[in-house]
């Protein structure tokens, strides 16, 4: 079987690419390893920036659909100290509206023909056939030949080895994810501490961050600068013991904050934070490219999803603009993507230091107060 454009991964970046191509009459096929769109939860709130995420959605013709799912007021920000005292409280200004990742993904999927996404197709590997063509082999043994291969398959991309030997490396911090449901009724002090949007309670080396989601859900990421081996000693299959072990790192903190850990309605989930080298790039290789985390994985700083969508939109527009000159399109896309992703990666590492470095939390507070 042969297809013209094959996208590996049905994340926001791959979906945006497929949508932009669809608008211009170019068919793409997305191969997604997960068996269905409901195979797992899709993460929490995303702030969609004017200069990248919103630009991408405009290119995809989905601005109105995006505005319909915005969580009004969710872009508010507050910082607390360990005792729960408010150090910074900023109302949202609407410039970085918040949406649930799953809702945004659904908007993009609904804007594509049903046959675009092939669920349950897990890529095992890919090899070059020459003249820019590639053969994809899936874990069920089936194969596909394609004229353009786009790796939109995240941090541990199976497409990246065609272009680069780089692999993500641990950056020294891990997040532990928890949820509180119906928090306004069940945990009013905690709900009040989190506020209307995002909340940060940080010090050097550790912190508790949370975001209010619709229906009274508080979604938390506990941040700890510890080696991987430290987390390996915790059995996350034993939820109660794992929550107690993580909460012990915040002894003496306000109960309104530690409740986000100790009373979680879900088992804590470990999220190790890895990154590709700042400035990761590759030599132009015919018929294949990367976007999003597959190309420029960085510590979370609010830019990852926005950059992935902009990558997808700009790659799609480059293909359209070059009218059959695929190599010209890929070269133009990569030149712009390499430049912006290098700057964004440097900023992401800087934000991580602002959050958890020696001057936290006041380094982050100064940064937020300056409106940067």
Foldseek 3Di string as FASTA:
>chain_A
DEDAAEEEALALLSLLLQLLLVVVPHHYAYEYQAQDLVSDADDFKAFAAPVFQCVLCVSSVCNVVVVVQFDPFQPWEWEAELALHTPDTGTDDPRGTMGTSSSSSVSSCVSDPPRRYDGNFAWPAKDDPDPQKIWTATPVGDIYIYNAYEYAPAQQTRQLVVFDPWHWDFPQKKKKKFKDAPCCVVPVLLDVSCPAHKYWHFAAFWTKIWTADPRRMIIIITMGRHDPVVCVVDDLVPQQRNLVVSLVVSPPGHPSRSCRRNVTPDRIDMGGAIWTDQLDDGPQDGRYYYAFNSGTRAGDDSCRSSRSSNLSSQLSVLCVVVPPPNSSSVVVSRVVSSVVSNVVRVVRVVVVCCRHNNPPPVSVVVVVVVVD
